[in-house]
Protein backbone atom coordinates (compact mmCIF):
# COMPACT_ATOMS: atom_id res chain seq x y z
CA UNK A 1 -13.73 -23.93 8.76
CA UNK A 2 -12.10 -21.85 11.36
CA UNK A 3 -12.62 -18.07 10.76
CA UNK A 4 -9.41 -16.28 11.92
CA UNK A 5 -10.37 -13.00 10.34
CA UNK A 6 -13.89 -12.70 11.34
CA UNK A 7 -14.37 -11.09 14.96
CA UNK A 8 -17.59 -10.87 17.04
CA UNK A 9 -17.31 -8.32 19.78
CA UNK A 10 -20.34 -6.99 21.53
CA UNK A 11 -18.55 -3.74 22.64
CA UNK A 12 -17.82 -3.17 18.77
CA UNK A 13 -20.67 -2.44 16.48
CA UNK A 14 -23.30 -4.25 18.75
CA UNK A 15 -21.90 -7.70 18.28
CA UNK A 16 -22.01 -7.63 14.39
CA UNK A 17 -19.62 -9.82 12.55
CA UNK A 18 -16.66 -7.58 11.51
CA UNK A 19 -13.45 -8.06 9.66
CA UNK A 20 -10.40 -8.37 12.26
CA UNK A 21 -12.03 -6.03 14.36
CA UNK A 22 -11.63 -3.16 12.07
CA UNK A 23 -15.30 -2.11 12.49
CA UNK A 24 -15.88 -3.14 9.02
CA UNK A 25 -18.78 -5.44 8.97
CA UNK A 26 -18.90 -8.46 7.15
CA UNK A 27 -22.31 -7.86 5.68
CA UNK A 28 -20.63 -4.53 4.11
CA UNK A 29 -17.95 -6.55 2.21
CA UNK A 30 -20.31 -9.09 1.14
CA UNK A 31 -22.99 -6.43 0.00
CA UNK A 32 -20.19 -4.90 -2.06
CA UNK A 33 -19.26 -8.14 -3.54
CA UNK A 34 -23.13 -8.88 -4.29
CA UNK A 35 -23.45 -5.46 -5.86
CA UNK A 36 -20.85 -6.23 -8.56
CA UNK A 37 -17.69 -4.37 -6.93
CA UNK A 38 -14.43 -5.58 -7.92
CA UNK A 39 -12.00 -6.67 -5.46
CA UNK A 40 -9.79 -3.65 -6.17
CA UNK A 41 -12.74 -1.31 -5.50
CA UNK A 42 -13.33 -2.79 -2.29
CA UNK A 43 -9.86 -2.72 -1.35
CA UNK A 44 -9.65 1.19 -2.24
CA UNK A 45 -12.86 1.63 -0.28
CA UNK A 46 -11.49 0.20 2.80
CA UNK A 47 -7.51 0.37 2.69
CA UNK A 48 -6.96 -1.81 5.65
CA UNK A 49 -8.74 -4.77 3.98
CA UNK A 50 -6.69 -7.53 2.32
CA UNK A 51 -7.62 -10.15 -0.33
CA UNK A 52 -8.01 -12.79 2.38
CA UNK A 53 -10.46 -10.42 4.39
CA UNK A 54 -12.72 -10.21 1.31
CA UNK A 55 -12.67 -14.08 0.42
CA UNK A 56 -13.00 -14.99 4.42
CA UNK A 57 -15.98 -12.86 4.74
CA UNK A 58 -17.69 -14.51 1.72
CA UNK A 59 -16.85 -18.03 3.25
CA UNK A 60 -18.24 -16.86 6.52
CA UNK A 61 -21.56 -15.50 5.02
CA UNK A 62 -21.89 -18.84 3.11
CA UNK A 63 -21.55 -21.01 6.45
CA UNK A 64 -24.08 -18.56 8.12
CA UNK A 65 -26.45 -19.30 5.48
CA UNK A 66 -25.66 -23.06 5.39
CA UNK A 67 -23.88 -23.37 2.03
CA UNK A 68 -21.87 -26.58 2.01
CA UNK A 69 -19.51 -26.07 -0.76
CA UNK A 70 -15.92 -26.71 -0.13
CA UNK A 71 -13.81 -23.75 0.83
CA UNK A 72 -11.70 -24.54 -2.30
CA UNK A 73 -14.82 -24.38 -4.37
CA UNK A 74 -15.92 -20.94 -3.17
CA UNK A 75 -12.29 -19.74 -3.74
CA UNK A 76 -12.16 -20.78 -7.21
CA UNK A 77 -15.60 -19.41 -7.98
CA UNK A 78 -14.81 -16.01 -6.16
CA UNK A 79 -11.66 -15.52 -8.19
CA UNK A 80 -13.60 -16.24 -11.12
CA UNK A 81 -16.24 -13.79 -10.29
CA UNK A 82 -13.33 -11.15 -9.40
CA UNK A 83 -11.86 -11.70 -13.07
CA UNK A 84 -14.86 -11.31 -15.10
CA UNK A 85 -15.15 -8.58 -17.54
CA UNK A 86 -16.80 -5.57 -16.37
CA UNK A 87 -19.27 -3.58 -18.69
CA UNK A 88 -22.65 -2.25 -18.72
CA UNK A 89 -24.24 -5.36 -19.92
CA UNK A 90 -21.89 -7.94 -18.43
CA UNK A 91 -23.27 -10.29 -15.45
CA UNK A 92 -22.47 -13.56 -13.92
CA UNK A 93 -24.93 -16.10 -15.31
CA UNK A 94 -26.04 -18.75 -12.59
CA UNK A 95 -27.58 -20.94 -15.52
CA UNK A 96 -24.41 -21.63 -17.44
CA UNK A 97 -21.89 -20.22 -14.80
CA UNK A 98 -20.40 -17.87 -17.64
CA UNK A 99 -19.70 -14.19 -17.11
CA UNK A 100 -20.82 -12.66 -20.21
CA UNK A 101 -23.83 -10.67 -21.66
CA UNK A 102 -27.05 -12.20 -20.23
CA UNK A 103 -28.33 -12.27 -23.70
CA UNK A 104 -25.46 -14.74 -24.65
CA UNK A 105 -26.92 -17.73 -22.51
């Protein structure tokens, strides 16, 4: 996969991979997703970002970690993750791949 939205410039943030040269590191976006932030929250925090930027940041991080799932599979799982109900006891269960209270698994 060719990454058209990820830039690496040694003159910008020490060469850290960023989103479209915006000085928003890929790691920041991936970290926000990992922390359970919804796409709308991420886009509100960084108004210059677009949905495609978030998706490509996740693809890039997965590739850097050697994950070999297809881009389509990642996109589907990402959309499912973002569509999950958000409550204080909701979490994405890696065992059964449902987005419900952990005790339901």
